[in-house]
């Protein structure tokens, strides 16, 4: 049986849209995993990190997977590495960032993978694309719409016309946590 998982994507270096599309294709190619839905892509100012960093393109996808949370995290890290991701500066510019936001039925305090993601509830660049993908989404018992509306970085977000998923990839609603 497949579990539902929401993964956030972001890029602010290089051809950001192409990198996000490649990442979605790579996630869909992970064994025993299928991209079920993709959000619209939003453009945002960087949150934290070095001054004068380029703007991000951000999105979320919902996966149906037979893998466990750690295996999904490992797959995400392999995809990041394949796209030249480095980790020299915390919250610094990056070619690709993939974060496991929630995993159906799983709560974890493991430092390697905290679930739900510890900062997801306060980040419009995760919440707004997620609610655009699934208007009924819930994170830790709260409406993702409500969380997005009150996120501190909400004013710096613009919905783009970048498309990541083809219509046949659109599926059921993502996990509720």
C-alpha atoms as a PDB file:
ATOM      1  CA  UNK A   1       0.000   0.000   0.000  1.00  0.00           C
ATOM      2  CA  UNK A   2       1.305   3.445  -0.909  1.00  0.00           C
ATOM      3  CA  UNK A   3       1.716   6.273   1.585  1.00  0.00           C
ATOM      4  CA  UNK A   4       1.155   9.895   0.708  1.00  0.00           C
ATOM      5  CA  UNK A   5       4.013  12.343   1.101  1.00  0.00           C
ATOM      6  CA  UNK A   6       4.389  16.068   0.395  1.00  0.00           C
ATOM      7  CA  UNK A   7       7.797  17.309  -0.792  1.00  0.00           C
ATOM      8  CA  UNK A   8       8.707  20.994  -1.166  1.00  0.00           C
ATOM      9  CA  UNK A   9      10.984  22.041  -4.040  1.00  0.00           C
ATOM     10  CA  UNK A  10      13.024  25.230  -4.368  1.00  0.00           C
ATOM     11  CA  UNK A  11      15.780  26.617  -6.568  1.00  0.00           C
ATOM     12  CA  UNK A  12      17.416  30.017  -6.859  1.00  0.00           C
ATOM     13  CA  UNK A  13      20.492  29.345  -9.016  1.00  0.00           C
ATOM     14  CA  UNK A  14      20.742  28.527 -12.711  1.00  0.00           C
ATOM     15  CA  UNK A  15      17.695  27.714 -14.837  1.00  0.00           C
ATOM     16  CA  UNK A  16      15.369  27.405 -11.873  1.00  0.00           C
ATOM     17  CA  UNK A  17      12.288  26.243 -13.792  1.00  0.00           C
ATOM     18  CA  UNK A  18      14.212  23.571 -15.697  1.00  0.00           C
ATOM     19  CA  UNK A  19      15.787  22.301 -12.473  1.00  0.00           C
ATOM     20  CA  UNK A  20      12.382  22.045 -10.779  1.00  0.00           C
ATOM     21  CA  UNK A  21      10.946  20.178 -13.794  1.00  0.00           C
ATOM     22  CA  UNK A  22      13.930  17.805 -13.755  1.00  0.00           C
ATOM     23  CA  UNK A  23      13.456  17.248 -10.023  1.00  0.00           C
ATOM     24  CA  UNK A  24       9.777  16.369 -10.488  1.00  0.00           C
ATOM     25  CA  UNK A  25      10.715  13.884 -13.232  1.00  0.00           C
ATOM     26  CA  UNK A  26      13.446  12.423 -10.993  1.00  0.00           C
ATOM     27  CA  UNK A  27      11.005  12.036  -8.080  1.00  0.00           C
ATOM     28  CA  UNK A  28       8.551  10.304 -10.402  1.00  0.00           C
ATOM     29  CA  UNK A  29      11.351   7.931 -11.489  1.00  0.00           C
ATOM     30  CA  UNK A  30      12.162   6.839  -7.923  1.00  0.00           C
ATOM     31  CA  UNK A  31      11.249   3.142  -7.641  1.00  0.00           C
ATOM     32  CA  UNK A  32       7.881   2.443  -5.980  1.00  0.00           C
ATOM     33  CA  UNK A  33       7.068   6.170  -6.028  1.00  0.00           C
ATOM     34  CA  UNK A  34       4.755   8.219  -8.217  1.00  0.00           C
ATOM     35  CA  UNK A  35       4.176  11.970  -8.423  1.00  0.00           C
ATOM     36  CA  UNK A  36       0.429  12.337  -7.856  1.00  0.00           C
ATOM     37  CA  UNK A  37       0.069  16.125  -8.018  1.00  0.00           C
ATOM     38  CA  UNK A  38       2.122  19.270  -8.541  1.00  0.00           C
ATOM     39  CA  UNK A  39       1.426  22.740  -7.249  1.00  0.00           C
ATOM     40  CA  UNK A  40       1.713  25.916  -9.236  1.00  0.00           C
ATOM     41  CA  UNK A  41       5.180  27.450  -9.006  1.00  0.00           C
ATOM     42  CA  UNK A  42       5.647  30.579  -6.906  1.00  0.00           C
ATOM     43  CA  UNK A  43       8.501  33.077  -6.911  1.00  0.00           C
ATOM     44  CA  UNK A  44       9.700  34.311  -3.548  1.00  0.00           C
ATOM     45  CA  UNK A  45      12.361  36.394  -1.904  1.00  0.00           C
ATOM     46  CA  UNK A  46      14.877  34.324   0.076  1.00  0.00           C
ATOM     47  CA  UNK A  47      13.980  33.689   3.726  1.00  0.00           C
ATOM     48  CA  UNK A  48      17.095  33.868   5.895  1.00  0.00           C
ATOM     49  CA  UNK A  49      20.484  33.247   4.356  1.00  0.00           C
ATOM     50  CA  UNK A  50      22.927  35.715   2.847  1.00  0.00           C
ATOM     51  CA  UNK A  51      21.833  39.198   1.759  1.00  0.00           C
ATOM     52  CA  UNK A  52      21.393  39.774  -1.981  1.00  0.00           C
ATOM     53  CA  UNK A  53      20.626  36.113  -2.714  1.00  0.00           C
ATOM     54  CA  UNK A  54      18.603  35.562  -5.908  1.00  0.00           C
ATOM     55  CA  UNK A  55      14.850  34.952  -5.720  1.00  0.00           C
ATOM     56  CA  UNK A  56      13.545  31.389  -5.503  1.00  0.00           C
ATOM     57  CA  UNK A  57      11.089  29.400  -7.517  1.00  0.00           C
ATOM     58  CA  UNK A  58       9.182  27.109  -5.142  1.00  0.00           C
ATOM     59  CA  UNK A  59       6.568  24.400  -5.502  1.00  0.00           C
ATOM     60  CA  UNK A  60       5.306  21.289  -3.745  1.00  0.00           C
ATOM     61  CA  UNK A  61       4.481  17.841  -5.059  1.00  0.00           C
ATOM     62  CA  UNK A  62       2.468  15.062  -3.563  1.00  0.00           C
ATOM     63  CA  UNK A  63       3.903  11.569  -3.876  1.00  0.00           C
ATOM     64  CA  UNK A  64       2.355   8.147  -3.507  1.00  0.00           C
ATOM     65  CA  UNK A  65       5.185   5.903  -2.329  1.00  0.00           C
ATOM     66  CA  UNK A  66       5.813   2.456  -0.995  1.00  0.00           C
ATOM     67  CA  UNK A  67       9.097   3.689   0.467  1.00  0.00           C
ATOM     68  CA  UNK A  68       9.601   4.744   4.063  1.00  0.00           C
ATOM     69  CA  UNK A  69      10.296   8.355   5.075  1.00  0.00           C
ATOM     70  CA  UNK A  70      14.079   7.814   5.360  1.00  0.00           C
ATOM     71  CA  UNK A  71      14.178   6.252   1.903  1.00  0.00           C
ATOM     72  CA  UNK A  72      12.258   9.215   0.445  1.00  0.00           C
ATOM     73  CA  UNK A  73      14.697  11.587   2.165  1.00  0.00           C
ATOM     74  CA  UNK A  74      17.663   9.663   0.724  1.00  0.00           C
ATOM     75  CA  UNK A  75      16.107   9.796  -2.755  1.00  0.00           C
ATOM     76  CA  UNK A  76      15.597  13.565  -2.387  1.00  0.00           C
ATOM     77  CA  UNK A  77      19.233  14.034  -1.340  1.00  0.00           C
ATOM     78  CA  UNK A  78      20.449  11.971  -4.315  1.00  0.00           C
ATOM     79  CA  UNK A  79      18.371  14.159  -6.654  1.00  0.00           C
ATOM     80  CA  UNK A  80      19.726  17.343  -5.011  1.00  0.00           C
ATOM     81  CA  UNK A  81      23.304  16.071  -5.369  1.00  0.00           C
ATOM     82  CA  UNK A  82      22.719  15.174  -9.032  1.00  0.00           C
ATOM     83  CA  UNK A  83      21.755  18.827  -9.565  1.00  0.00           C
ATOM     84  CA  UNK A  84      24.929  20.168  -7.959  1.00  0.00           C
ATOM     85  CA  UNK A  85      23.502  20.948  -4.526  1.00  0.00           C
ATOM     86  CA  UNK A  86      26.139  22.024  -2.015  1.00  0.00           C
ATOM     87  CA  UNK A  87      25.701  22.819   1.675  1.00  0.00           C
ATOM     88  CA  UNK A  88      28.390  25.374   2.555  1.00  0.00           C
ATOM     89  CA  UNK A  89      26.087  28.162   3.813  1.00  0.00           C
ATOM     90  CA  UNK A  90      22.976  27.540   5.908  1.00  0.00           C
ATOM     91  CA  UNK A  91      19.954  28.762   3.928  1.00  0.00           C
ATOM     92  CA  UNK A  92      22.350  29.881   1.196  1.00  0.00           C
ATOM     93  CA  UNK A  93      21.646  29.947  -2.537  1.00  0.00           C
ATOM     94  CA  UNK A  94      21.095  26.521  -4.047  1.00  0.00           C
ATOM     95  CA  UNK A  95      20.574  24.815  -7.348  1.00  0.00           C
ATOM     96  CA  UNK A  96      17.917  22.602  -5.776  1.00  0.00           C
ATOM     97  CA  UNK A  97      16.364  22.064  -2.364  1.00  0.00           C
ATOM     98  CA  UNK A  98      13.970  19.176  -1.697  1.00  0.00           C
ATOM     99  CA  UNK A  99      12.329  18.926   1.735  1.00  0.00           C
ATOM    100  CA  UNK A 100      10.027  16.183   2.968  1.00  0.00           C
ATOM    101  CA  UNK A 101       7.215  18.261   4.483  1.00  0.00           C
ATOM    102  CA  UNK A 102       4.893  15.518   5.697  1.00  0.00           C
ATOM    103  CA  UNK A 103       4.534  11.774   5.380  1.00  0.00           C
ATOM    104  CA  UNK A 104       1.164  10.118   5.892  1.00  0.00           C
ATOM    105  CA  UNK A 105       0.771   8.716   9.394  1.00  0.00           C
ATOM    106  CA  UNK A 106       4.332   9.577  10.475  1.00  0.00           C
ATOM    107  CA  UNK A 107       5.570  11.934  13.172  1.00  0.00           C
ATOM    108  CA  UNK A 108       9.302  11.965  13.807  1.00  0.00           C
ATOM    109  CA  UNK A 109      11.679  13.843  16.079  1.00  0.00           C
ATOM    110  CA  UNK A 110      14.732  12.178  14.534  1.00  0.00           C
ATOM    111  CA  UNK A 111      17.254  14.983  13.808  1.00  0.00           C
ATOM    112  CA  UNK A 112      17.876  13.485  10.335  1.00  0.00           C
ATOM    113  CA  UNK A 113      14.185  13.855   9.399  1.00  0.00           C
ATOM    114  CA  UNK A 114      11.742  15.753  11.601  1.00  0.00           C
ATOM    115  CA  UNK A 115       8.151  15.226  10.474  1.00  0.00           C
ATOM    116  CA  UNK A 116       6.164  17.228   9.835  1.00  0.00           C
ATOM    117  CA  UNK A 117       8.905  19.607   8.683  1.00  0.00           C
ATOM    118  CA  UNK A 118       9.589  21.911  11.654  1.00  0.00           C
ATOM    119  CA  UNK A 119       9.310  25.216   9.739  1.00  0.00           C
ATOM    120  CA  UNK A 120       6.683  24.319   7.126  1.00  0.00           C
ATOM    121  CA  UNK A 121       3.817  25.883   9.111  1.00  0.00           C
ATOM    122  CA  UNK A 122       5.421  29.343   8.940  1.00  0.00           C
ATOM    123  CA  UNK A 123       6.720  29.390   5.354  1.00  0.00           C
ATOM    124  CA  UNK A 124       4.404  30.831   2.693  1.00  0.00           C
ATOM    125  CA  UNK A 125       6.725  29.481  -0.006  1.00  0.00           C
ATOM    126  CA  UNK A 126       5.687  25.974   1.115  1.00  0.00           C
ATOM    127  CA  UNK A 127       2.134  26.668   2.293  1.00  0.00           C
ATOM    128  CA  UNK A 128       0.795  28.740  -0.616  1.00  0.00           C
ATOM    129  CA  UNK A 129       1.786  26.300  -3.376  1.00  0.00           C
ATOM    130  CA  UNK A 130       0.488  23.448  -1.211  1.00  0.00           C
ATOM    131  CA  UNK A 131      -2.931  25.039  -0.713  1.00  0.00           C
ATOM    132  CA  UNK A 132      -3.116  25.889  -4.424  1.00  0.00           C
ATOM    133  CA  UNK A 133      -2.525  22.184  -5.117  1.00  0.00           C
ATOM    134  CA  UNK A 134      -4.920  21.035  -2.375  1.00  0.00           C
ATOM    135  CA  UNK A 135      -7.311  23.658  -0.946  1.00  0.00           C
ATOM    136  CA  UNK A 136      -8.373  21.241   1.830  1.00  0.00           C
ATOM    137  CA  UNK A 137      -4.810  20.516   3.028  1.00  0.00           C
ATOM    138  CA  UNK A 138      -4.218  20.296   6.768  1.00  0.00           C
ATOM    139  CA  UNK A 139      -0.918  20.446   8.657  1.00  0.00           C
ATOM    140  CA  UNK A 140      -0.904  19.356  12.300  1.00  0.00           C
ATOM    141  CA  UNK A 141      -4.636  19.924  12.588  1.00  0.00           C
ATOM    142  CA  UNK A 142      -4.580  23.423  11.067  1.00  0.00           C
ATOM    143  CA  UNK A 143      -5.791  24.530   7.670  1.00  0.00           C
ATOM    144  CA  UNK A 144      -2.865  25.102   5.332  1.00  0.00           C
ATOM    145  CA  UNK A 145      -4.888  28.018   3.846  1.00  0.00           C
ATOM    146  CA  UNK A 146      -5.048  29.635   7.301  1.00  0.00           C
ATOM    147  CA  UNK A 147      -1.328  29.067   7.881  1.00  0.00           C
ATOM    148  CA  UNK A 148      -0.423  30.484   4.447  1.00  0.00           C
ATOM    149  CA  UNK A 149      -2.490  33.619   5.021  1.00  0.00           C
ATOM    150  CA  UNK A 150      -0.606  34.415   8.225  1.00  0.00           C
ATOM    151  CA  UNK A 151       2.908  33.373   7.162  1.00  0.00           C
ATOM    152  CA  UNK A 152       5.451  36.181   7.605  1.00  0.00           C
ATOM    153  CA  UNK A 153       6.835  35.832   4.055  1.00  0.00           C
ATOM    154  CA  UNK A 154       3.381  35.866   2.355  1.00  0.00           C
ATOM    155  CA  UNK A 155       3.738  39.386   0.921  1.00  0.00           C
ATOM    156  CA  UNK A 156       6.895  38.446  -0.995  1.00  0.00           C
ATOM    157  CA  UNK A 157       5.251  35.657  -3.016  1.00  0.00           C
ATOM    158  CA  UNK A 158       4.046  35.695  -6.629  1.00  0.00           C
ATOM    159  CA  UNK A 159       2.327  32.839  -8.456  1.00  0.00           C
ATOM    160  CA  UNK A 160       4.052  32.200 -11.810  1.00  0.00           C
ATOM    161  CA  UNK A 161       2.899  30.518 -15.018  1.00  0.00           C
ATOM    162  CA  UNK A 162       5.623  27.831 -14.776  1.00  0.00           C
ATOM    163  CA  UNK A 163       4.141  24.320 -15.152  1.00  0.00           C
ATOM    164  CA  UNK A 164       5.862  21.333 -13.539  1.00  0.00           C
ATOM    165  CA  UNK A 165       3.373  18.463 -14.003  1.00  0.00           C
ATOM    166  CA  UNK A 166       1.385  17.305 -16.948  1.00  0.00           C
ATOM    167  CA  UNK A 167      -2.379  17.006 -16.343  1.00  0.00           C
ATOM    168  CA  UNK A 168      -2.228  13.177 -16.277  1.00  0.00           C
ATOM    169  CA  UNK A 169       0.052  13.402 -13.216  1.00  0.00           C
ATOM    170  CA  UNK A 170      -2.588  15.231 -11.204  1.00  0.00           C
ATOM    171  CA  UNK A 171      -4.126  12.872  -8.655  1.00  0.00           C
ATOM    172  CA  UNK A 172      -5.794  12.720  -5.277  1.00  0.00           C
ATOM    173  CA  UNK A 173      -5.341  15.153  -2.407  1.00  0.00           C
ATOM    174  CA  UNK A 174      -2.080  14.988  -0.403  1.00  0.00           C
ATOM    175  CA  UNK A 175      -1.577  13.688   3.109  1.00  0.00           C
ATOM    176  CA  UNK A 176      -3.128  15.353   6.110  1.00  0.00           C
ATOM    177  CA  UNK A 177      -1.048  15.562   9.262  1.00  0.00           C
END
